[in-house]
Amino acid sequence: MSFKIGDRVTWKSQASSYVKVKTGVIEAIVPAGHLPSAEFQRLFRHGIGGPRDHESYVVRVRQATYYWPRVKGLERVSP
């Protein structure tokens, strides 16, 4: 599935045995083989890992919290 900047998406994240549903807005499209731009990398609270072999997305949740979730878990939210 492909998304555009401004699309609202939701996904599930897991830490330990706790699952949380997150919803946010696509802020940037990251081409396959690349990392999010330096502008976004400094905003992530935790490391971002390595480049992915497919197009991916930076998602803003709340005012200034950014995530780089796995694409296969993203679902578009109806407006």
PDB file of N, CA and C in Angstrom:
ATOM      1  N   MET A   1       0.849  -1.178   0.000  1.00  0.00           N
ATOM      2  CA  MET A   1       0.000   0.000   0.000  1.00  0.00           C
ATOM      3  C   MET A   1       0.889   1.233   0.000  1.00  0.00           C
ATOM      4  N   SER A   2       0.493   2.232  -0.718  1.00  0.00           N
ATOM      5  CA  SER A   2       1.248   3.465  -0.836  1.00  0.00           C
ATOM      6  C   SER A   2       0.501   4.602  -0.142  1.00  0.00           C
ATOM      7  N   PHE A   3       1.248   5.472   0.515  1.00  0.00           N
ATOM      8  CA  PHE A   3       0.645   6.593   1.229  1.00  0.00           C
ATOM      9  C   PHE A   3       1.227   7.896   0.709  1.00  0.00           C
ATOM     10  N   LYS A   4       0.538   9.012   1.001  1.00  0.00           N
ATOM     11  CA  LYS A   4       0.982  10.345   0.614  1.00  0.00           C
ATOM     12  C   LYS A   4       1.212  11.178   1.874  1.00  0.00           C
ATOM     13  N   ILE A   5       2.012  12.219   1.750  1.00  0.00           N
ATOM     14  CA  ILE A   5       2.200  13.146   2.860  1.00  0.00           C
ATOM     15  C   ILE A   5       0.836  13.718   3.223  1.00  0.00           C
ATOM     16  N   GLY A   6       0.536  13.741   4.512  1.00  0.00           N
ATOM     17  CA  GLY A   6      -0.748  14.241   4.997  1.00  0.00           C
ATOM     18  C   GLY A   6      -1.756  13.143   5.299  1.00  0.00           C
ATOM     19  N   ASP A   7      -1.524  11.918   4.802  1.00  0.00           N
ATOM     20  CA  ASP A   7      -2.450  10.815   5.108  1.00  0.00           C
ATOM     21  C   ASP A   7      -2.397  10.484   6.592  1.00  0.00           C
ATOM     22  N   ARG A   8      -3.551  10.193   7.185  1.00  0.00           N
ATOM     23  CA  ARG A   8      -3.606   9.729   8.577  1.00  0.00           C
ATOM     24  C   ARG A   8      -3.513   8.213   8.559  1.00  0.00           C
ATOM     25  N   VAL A   9      -2.637   7.677   9.406  1.00  0.00           N
ATOM     26  CA  VAL A   9      -2.424   6.233   9.470  1.00  0.00           C
ATOM     27  C   VAL A   9      -2.437   5.760  10.917  1.00  0.00           C
ATOM     28  N   THR A  10      -2.642   4.478  11.079  1.00  0.00           N
ATOM     29  CA  THR A  10      -2.598   3.867  12.399  1.00  0.00           C
ATOM     30  C   THR A  10      -1.795   2.573  12.307  1.00  0.00           C
ATOM     31  N   TRP A  11      -1.205   2.163  13.435  1.00  0.00           N
ATOM     32  CA  TRP A  11      -0.453   0.911  13.504  1.00  0.00           C
ATOM     33  C   TRP A  11      -0.316   0.506  14.959  1.00  0.00           C
ATOM     34  N   LYS A  12       0.071  -0.754  15.168  1.00  0.00           N
ATOM     35  CA  LYS A  12       0.285  -1.269  16.518  1.00  0.00           C
ATOM     36  C   LYS A  12       1.783  -1.358  16.765  1.00  0.00           C
ATOM     37  N   SER A  13       2.197  -0.938  17.963  1.00  0.00           N
ATOM     38  CA  SER A  13       3.598  -1.098  18.358  1.00  0.00           C
ATOM     39  C   SER A  13       3.627  -1.924  19.627  1.00  0.00           C
ATOM     40  N   GLN A  14       4.747  -2.582  19.851  1.00  0.00           N
ATOM     41  CA  GLN A  14       4.853  -3.451  21.010  1.00  0.00           C
ATOM     42  C   GLN A  14       6.173  -3.218  21.722  1.00  0.00           C
ATOM     43  N   ALA A  15       6.102  -3.118  23.044  1.00  0.00           N
ATOM     44  CA  ALA A  15       7.287  -3.029  23.889  1.00  0.00           C
ATOM     45  C   ALA A  15       7.056  -4.002  25.034  1.00  0.00           C
ATOM     46  N   SER A  16       7.988  -4.922  25.200  1.00  0.00           N
ATOM     47  CA  SER A  16       7.817  -6.020  26.173  1.00  0.00           C
ATOM     48  C   SER A  16       6.544  -6.759  25.802  1.00  0.00           C
ATOM     49  N   SER A  17       5.577  -6.843  26.689  1.00  0.00           N
ATOM     50  CA  SER A  17       4.326  -7.537  26.355  1.00  0.00           C
ATOM     51  C   SER A  17       3.173  -6.549  26.223  1.00  0.00           C
ATOM     52  N   TYR A  18       3.480  -5.277  26.126  1.00  0.00           N
ATOM     53  CA  TYR A  18       2.462  -4.239  26.042  1.00  0.00           C
ATOM     54  C   TYR A  18       2.292  -3.799  24.591  1.00  0.00           C
ATOM     55  N   VAL A  19       1.061  -3.850  24.075  1.00  0.00           N
ATOM     56  CA  VAL A  19       0.762  -3.439  22.708  1.00  0.00           C
ATOM     57  C   VAL A  19      -0.002  -2.122  22.756  1.00  0.00           C
ATOM     58  N   LYS A  20       0.431  -1.169  21.933  1.00  0.00           N
ATOM     59  CA  LYS A  20      -0.203   0.144  21.894  1.00  0.00           C
ATOM     60  C   LYS A  20      -0.561   0.484  20.458  1.00  0.00           C
ATOM     61  N   VAL A  21      -1.747   1.050  20.250  1.00  0.00           N
ATOM     62  CA  VAL A  21      -2.174   1.498  18.929  1.00  0.00           C
ATOM     63  C   VAL A  21      -1.807   2.970  18.811  1.00  0.00           C
ATOM     64  N   LYS A  22      -1.103   3.314  17.726  1.00  0.00           N
ATOM     65  CA  LYS A  22      -0.688   4.700  17.495  1.00  0.00           C
ATOM     66  C   LYS A  22      -1.341   5.202  16.215  1.00  0.00           C
ATOM     67  N   THR A  23      -1.665   6.482  16.199  1.00  0.00           N
ATOM     68  CA  THR A  23      -2.257   7.121  15.033  1.00  0.00           C
ATOM     69  C   THR A  23      -1.520   8.425  14.789  1.00  0.00           C
ATOM     70  N   GLY A  24      -1.190   8.690  13.535  1.00  0.00           N
ATOM     71  CA  GLY A  24      -0.474   9.908  13.215  1.00  0.00           C
ATOM     72  C   GLY A  24      -0.631  10.289  11.757  1.00  0.00           C
ATOM     73  N   VAL A  25       0.180  11.254  11.336  1.00  0.00           N
ATOM     74  CA  VAL A  25       0.124  11.806   9.984  1.00  0.00           C
ATOM     75  C   VAL A  25       1.458  11.574   9.282  1.00  0.00           C
ATOM     76  N   ILE A  26       1.398  11.143   8.022  1.00  0.00           N
ATOM     77  CA  ILE A  26       2.612  10.952   7.231  1.00  0.00           C
ATOM     78  C   ILE A  26       3.266  12.316   7.019  1.00  0.00           C
ATOM     79  N   GLU A  27       4.523  12.452   7.446  1.00  0.00           N
ATOM     80  CA  GLU A  27       5.262  13.711   7.317  1.00  0.00           C
ATOM     81  C   GLU A  27       6.319  13.657   6.217  1.00  0.00           C
ATOM     82  N   ALA A  28       6.828  12.460   5.914  1.00  0.00           N
ATOM     83  CA  ALA A  28       7.864  12.340   4.873  1.00  0.00           C
ATOM     84  C   ALA A  28       7.824  10.949   4.270  1.00  0.00           C
ATOM     85  N   ILE A  29       8.199  10.869   3.004  1.00  0.00           N
ATOM     86  CA  ILE A  29       8.329   9.602   2.302  1.00  0.00           C
ATOM     87  C   ILE A  29       9.822   9.313   2.183  1.00  0.00           C
ATOM     88  N   VAL A  30      10.226   8.107   2.589  1.00  0.00           N
ATOM     89  CA  VAL A  30      11.635   7.716   2.573  1.00  0.00           C
ATOM     90  C   VAL A  30      11.814   6.694   1.448  1.00  0.00           C
ATOM     91  N   PRO A  31      12.603   7.026   0.423  1.00  0.00           N
ATOM     92  CA  PRO A  31      12.803   6.089  -0.689  1.00  0.00           C
ATOM     93  C   PRO A  31      13.504   4.808  -0.229  1.00  0.00           C
ATOM     94  N   ALA A  32      13.281   3.737  -0.957  1.00  0.00           N
ATOM     95  CA  ALA A  32      13.954   2.463  -0.667  1.00  0.00           C
ATOM     96  C   ALA A  32      15.464   2.673  -0.656  1.00  0.00           C
ATOM     97  N   GLY A  33      16.132   2.038   0.322  1.00  0.00           N
ATOM     98  CA  GLY A  33      17.580   2.120   0.406  1.00  0.00           C
ATOM     99  C   GLY A  33      18.109   3.365   1.094  1.00  0.00           C
ATOM    100  N   HIS A  34      17.221   4.215   1.589  1.00  0.00           N
ATOM    101  CA  HIS A  34      17.622   5.456   2.238  1.00  0.00           C
ATOM    102  C   HIS A  34      17.132   5.498   3.686  1.00  0.00           C
ATOM    103  N   LEU A  35      17.714   6.427   4.449  1.00  0.00           N
ATOM    104  CA  LEU A  35      17.258   6.720   5.805  1.00  0.00           C
ATOM    105  C   LEU A  35      16.448   8.002   5.774  1.00  0.00           C
ATOM    106  N   PRO A  36      15.618   8.249   6.791  1.00  0.00           N
ATOM    107  CA  PRO A  36      14.938   9.547   6.855  1.00  0.00           C
ATOM    108  C   PRO A  36      15.989  10.660   6.835  1.00  0.00           C
ATOM    109  N   SER A  37      15.621  11.834   6.333  1.00  0.00           N
ATOM    110  CA  SER A  37      16.557  12.951   6.256  1.00  0.00           C
ATOM    111  C   SER A  37      17.073  13.307   7.653  1.00  0.00           C
ATOM    112  N   ALA A  38      18.220  13.964   7.697  1.00  0.00           N
ATOM    113  CA  ALA A  38      18.836  14.363   8.969  1.00  0.00           C
ATOM    114  C   ALA A  38      17.875  15.194   9.806  1.00  0.00           C
ATOM    115  N   GLU A  39      17.031  15.965   9.141  1.00  0.00           N
ATOM    116  CA  GLU A  39      16.023  16.774   9.833  1.00  0.00           C
ATOM    117  C   GLU A  39      15.161  15.901  10.750  1.00  0.00           C
ATOM    118  N   PHE A  40      14.776  14.724  10.290  1.00  0.00           N
ATOM    119  CA  PHE A  40      13.945  13.828  11.086  1.00  0.00           C
ATOM    120  C   PHE A  40      14.766  12.956  12.025  1.00  0.00           C
ATOM    121  N   GLN A  41      15.960  12.528  11.608  1.00  0.00           N
ATOM    122  CA  GLN A  41      16.762  11.630  12.439  1.00  0.00           C
ATOM    123  C   GLN A  41      17.009  12.209  13.822  1.00  0.00           C
ATOM    124  N   ARG A  42      17.217  13.502  13.929  1.00  0.00           N
ATOM    125  CA  ARG A  42      17.489  14.089  15.243  1.00  0.00           C
ATOM    126  C   ARG A  42      16.234  14.187  16.105  1.00  0.00           C
ATOM    127  N   LEU A  43      15.075  13.985  15.522  1.00  0.00           N
ATOM    128  CA  LEU A  43      13.827  14.078  16.273  1.00  0.00           C
ATOM    129  C   LEU A  43      13.381  12.752  16.882  1.00  0.00           C
ATOM    130  N   PHE A  44      13.953  11.641  16.408  1.00  0.00           N
ATOM    131  CA  PHE A  44      13.571  10.338  16.942  1.00  0.00           C
ATOM    132  C   PHE A  44      14.134  10.162  18.342  1.00  0.00           C
ATOM    133  N   ARG A  45      13.343   9.650  19.239  1.00  0.00           N
ATOM    134  CA  ARG A  45      13.778   9.441  20.624  1.00  0.00           C
ATOM    135  C   ARG A  45      14.749   8.273  20.740  1.00  0.00           C
ATOM    136  N   HIS A  46      14.589   7.284  19.886  1.00  0.00           N
ATOM    137  CA  HIS A  46      15.442   6.094  19.896  1.00  0.00           C
ATOM    138  C   HIS A  46      16.105   5.999  18.531  1.00  0.00           C
ATOM    139  N   GLY A  47      17.127   5.194  18.406  1.00  0.00           N
ATOM    140  CA  GLY A  47      17.804   5.024  17.119  1.00  0.00           C
ATOM    141  C   GLY A  47      16.828   4.612  16.035  1.00  0.00           C
ATOM    142  N   ILE A  48      17.245   4.785  14.780  1.00  0.00           N
ATOM    143  CA  ILE A  48      16.327   4.485  13.684  1.00  0.00           C
ATOM    144  C   ILE A  48      16.680   3.222  12.914  1.00  0.00           C
ATOM    145  N   GLY A  49      17.835   2.639  13.151  1.00  0.00           N
ATOM    146  CA  GLY A  49      18.207   1.415  12.431  1.00  0.00           C
ATOM    147  C   GLY A  49      18.801   1.720  11.079  1.00  0.00           C
ATOM    148  N   GLY A  50      18.753   0.732  10.188  1.00  0.00           N
ATOM    149  CA  GLY A  50      19.357   0.879   8.867  1.00  0.00           C
ATOM    150  C   GLY A  50      18.326   1.142   7.787  1.00  0.00           C
ATOM    151  N   PRO A  51      18.799   1.415   6.571  1.00  0.00           N
ATOM    152  CA  PRO A  51      17.891   1.656   5.445  1.00  0.00           C
ATOM    153  C   PRO A  51      16.998   0.439   5.180  1.00  0.00           C
ATOM    154  N   ARG A  52      15.849   0.679   4.636  1.00  0.00           N
ATOM    155  CA  ARG A  52      14.906  -0.408   4.301  1.00  0.00           C
ATOM    156  C   ARG A  52      14.895  -0.627   2.799  1.00  0.00           C
ATOM    157  N   ASP A  53      14.524  -1.825   2.379  1.00  0.00           N
ATOM    158  CA  ASP A  53      14.554  -2.156   0.957  1.00  0.00           C
ATOM    159  C   ASP A  53      13.252  -1.829   0.238  1.00  0.00           C
ATOM    160  N   HIS A  54      12.437  -0.973   0.826  1.00  0.00           N
ATOM    161  CA  HIS A  54      11.163  -0.562   0.240  1.00  0.00           C
ATOM    162  C   HIS A  54      10.858   0.870   0.681  1.00  0.00           C
ATOM    163  N   GLU A  55       9.962   1.520  -0.029  1.00  0.00           N
ATOM    164  CA  GLU A  55       9.539   2.863   0.365  1.00  0.00           C
ATOM    165  C   GLU A  55       8.932   2.799   1.767  1.00  0.00           C
ATOM    166  N   SER A  56       9.237   3.790   2.590  1.00  0.00           N
ATOM    167  CA  SER A  56       8.696   3.830   3.948  1.00  0.00           C
ATOM    168  C   SER A  56       8.331   5.263   4.296  1.00  0.00           C
ATOM    169  N   TYR A  57       7.852   5.470   5.531  1.00  0.00           N
ATOM    170  CA  TYR A  57       7.259   6.757   5.867  1.00  0.00           C
ATOM    171  C   TYR A  57       7.625   7.200   7.283  1.00  0.00           C
ATOM    172  N   VAL A  58       7.850   8.505   7.447  1.00  0.00           N
ATOM    173  CA  VAL A  58       8.011   9.095   8.771  1.00  0.00           C
ATOM    174  C   VAL A  58       6.631   9.582   9.182  1.00  0.00           C
ATOM    175  N   VAL A  59       6.219   9.209  10.401  1.00  0.00           N
ATOM    176  CA  VAL A  59       4.880   9.551  10.889  1.00  0.00           C
ATOM    177  C   VAL A  59       4.999  10.407  12.147  1.00  0.00           C
ATOM    178  N   ARG A  60       4.240  11.518  12.172  1.00  0.00           N
ATOM    179  CA  ARG A  60       4.201  12.380  13.352  1.00  0.00           C
ATOM    180  C   ARG A  60       2.978  12.017  14.186  1.00  0.00           C
ATOM    181  N   VAL A  61       3.247  11.758  15.471  1.00  0.00           N
ATOM    182  CA  VAL A  61       2.181  11.485  16.431  1.00  0.00           C
ATOM    183  C   VAL A  61       2.272  12.583  17.479  1.00  0.00           C
ATOM    184  N   ARG A  62       1.194  13.213  17.774  1.00  0.00           N
ATOM    185  CA  ARG A  62       1.169  14.366  18.695  1.00  0.00           C
ATOM    186  C   ARG A  62       1.965  15.526  18.108  1.00  0.00           C
ATOM    187  N   GLN A  63       2.359  16.441  18.955  1.00  0.00           N
ATOM    188  CA  GLN A  63       3.021  17.666  18.518  1.00  0.00           C
ATOM    189  C   GLN A  63       4.379  17.421  17.863  1.00  0.00           C
ATOM    190  N   ALA A  64       5.267  16.721  18.549  1.00  0.00           N
ATOM    191  CA  ALA A  64       6.631  16.593  18.027  1.00  0.00           C
ATOM    192  C   ALA A  64       7.240  15.218  18.287  1.00  0.00           C
ATOM    193  N   THR A  65       6.443  14.165  18.186  1.00  0.00           N
ATOM    194  CA  THR A  65       6.955  12.813  18.342  1.00  0.00           C
ATOM    195  C   THR A  65       6.883  12.129  16.980  1.00  0.00           C
ATOM    196  N   TYR A  66       8.034  11.657  16.501  1.00  0.00           N
ATOM    197  CA  TYR A  66       8.116  11.065  15.170  1.00  0.00           C
ATOM    198  C   TYR A  66       8.484   9.590  15.259  1.00  0.00           C
ATOM    199  N   TYR A  67       7.908   8.799  14.334  1.00  0.00           N
ATOM    200  CA  TYR A  67       8.183   7.371  14.261  1.00  0.00           C
ATOM    201  C   TYR A  67       8.475   7.007  12.818  1.00  0.00           C
ATOM    202  N   TRP A  68       9.193   5.905  12.654  1.00  0.00           N
ATOM    203  CA  TRP A  68       9.464   5.334  11.341  1.00  0.00           C
ATOM    204  C   TRP A  68       8.963   3.895  11.388  1.00  0.00           C
ATOM    205  N   PRO A  69       7.624   3.722  11.383  1.00  0.00           N
ATOM    206  CA  PRO A  69       7.055   2.385  11.578  1.00  0.00           C
ATOM    207  C   PRO A  69       7.232   1.474  10.363  1.00  0.00           C
ATOM    208  N   ARG A  70       7.091   0.201  10.610  1.00  0.00           N
ATOM    209  CA  ARG A  70       7.130  -0.785   9.529  1.00  0.00           C
ATOM    210  C   ARG A  70       5.900  -0.585   8.642  1.00  0.00           C
ATOM    211  N   VAL A  71       6.118  -0.546   7.353  1.00  0.00           N
ATOM    212  CA  VAL A  71       5.050  -0.250   6.401  1.00  0.00           C
ATOM    213  C   VAL A  71       3.952  -1.308   6.425  1.00  0.00           C
ATOM    214  N   LYS A  72       4.322  -2.581   6.594  1.00  0.00           N
ATOM    215  CA  LYS A  72       3.306  -3.640   6.533  1.00  0.00           C
ATOM    216  C   LYS A  72       2.264  -3.526   7.642  1.00  0.00           C
ATOM    217  N   GLY A  73       2.550  -2.781   8.696  1.00  0.00           N
ATOM    218  CA  GLY A  73       1.592  -2.607   9.771  1.00  0.00           C
ATOM    219  C   GLY A  73       0.725  -1.361   9.666  1.00  0.00           C
ATOM    220  N   LEU A  74       1.020  -0.503   8.683  1.00  0.00           N
ATOM    221  CA  LEU A  74       0.276   0.751   8.549  1.00  0.00           C
ATOM    222  C   LEU A  74      -1.079   0.544   7.878  1.00  0.00           C
ATOM    223  N   GLU A  75      -2.064   1.240   8.397  1.00  0.00           N
ATOM    224  CA  GLU A  75      -3.403   1.256   7.794  1.00  0.00           C
ATOM    225  C   GLU A  75      -3.868   2.684   7.699  1.00  0.00           C
ATOM    226  N   ARG A  76      -4.485   3.041   6.562  1.00  0.00           N
ATOM    227  CA  ARG A  76      -5.012   4.385   6.373  1.00  0.00           C
ATOM    228  C   ARG A  76      -6.243   4.569   7.266  1.00  0.00           C
ATOM    229  N   VAL A  77      -6.347   5.753   7.874  1.00  0.00           N
ATOM    230  CA  VAL A  77      -7.484   6.087   8.716  1.00  0.00           C
ATOM    231  C   VAL A  77      -8.409   6.983   7.906  1.00  0.00           C
ATOM    232  N   SER A  78      -9.680   6.694   7.898  1.00  0.00           N
ATOM    233  CA  SER A  78     -10.648   7.518   7.177  1.00  0.00           C
ATOM    234  C   SER A  78     -10.727   8.906   7.816  1.00  0.00           C
ATOM    235  N   PRO A  79     -10.853   9.949   6.996  1.00  0.00           N
ATOM    236  CA  PRO A  79     -10.936  11.305   7.558  1.00  0.00           C
ATOM    237  C   PRO A  79     -12.187  11.513   8.385  1.00  0.00           C
TER     238      PRO A  79
END
